[in-house]
């Protein structure tokens, strides 16, 4: 089962693989398909 992520703006949940995009430069982008909230350069343990 895929983990879910809660949007900080609209609080709806969506599967992790549908809302997070990992780029080759270790930048992670979150985008909510419900309210279009997005956040870039999310800090991860890899960078």
Protein backbone atom coordinates (compact mmCIF):
# COMPACT_ATOMS: atom_id res chain seq x y z
CA UNK A 1 0.00 0.00 0.00
CA UNK A 2 1.31 3.42 -0.99
CA UNK A 3 1.83 5.99 1.81
CA UNK A 4 -0.43 9.05 1.66
CA UNK A 5 0.46 12.74 1.94
CA UNK A 6 -1.83 15.38 3.45
CA UNK A 7 -1.87 18.77 1.72
CA UNK A 8 -0.97 21.56 4.17
CA UNK A 9 -3.42 23.91 2.46
CA UNK A 10 -6.61 21.92 1.78
CA UNK A 11 -5.82 18.94 4.07
CA UNK A 12 -6.92 16.39 1.47
CA UNK A 13 -4.82 13.28 1.08
CA UNK A 14 -3.33 11.71 -1.99
CA UNK A 15 -0.93 8.84 -2.71
CA UNK A 16 2.73 9.74 -2.34
CA UNK A 17 3.62 8.85 -5.93
CA UNK A 18 0.91 11.15 -7.31
CA UNK A 19 1.99 14.34 -5.50
CA UNK A 20 5.78 14.19 -5.17
CA UNK A 21 8.24 14.54 -8.02
CA UNK A 22 11.96 13.89 -7.47
CA UNK A 23 14.35 15.60 -9.86
CA UNK A 24 17.90 14.56 -10.75
CA UNK A 25 19.39 17.45 -8.74
CA UNK A 26 17.79 16.03 -5.53
CA UNK A 27 15.08 18.68 -5.61
CA UNK A 28 11.68 17.35 -4.51
CA UNK A 29 8.46 19.07 -5.66
CA UNK A 30 5.06 18.65 -4.03
CA UNK A 31 1.90 19.55 -5.97
CA UNK A 32 -1.65 19.01 -4.73
CA UNK A 33 -4.03 17.89 -7.52
CA UNK A 34 -7.03 19.20 -5.57
CA UNK A 35 -6.13 22.82 -4.74
CA UNK A 36 -2.97 23.29 -6.90
CA UNK A 37 -0.81 24.16 -3.87
CA UNK A 38 2.85 23.50 -4.63
CA UNK A 39 6.12 23.57 -2.75
CA UNK A 40 9.61 23.25 -4.21
CA UNK A 41 13.02 22.40 -2.78
CA UNK A 42 11.70 20.21 0.02
CA UNK A 43 14.51 19.21 2.38
CA UNK A 44 15.13 15.46 2.42
CA UNK A 45 17.67 13.24 4.16
CA UNK A 46 19.50 12.92 0.82
CA UNK A 47 19.99 16.64 0.36
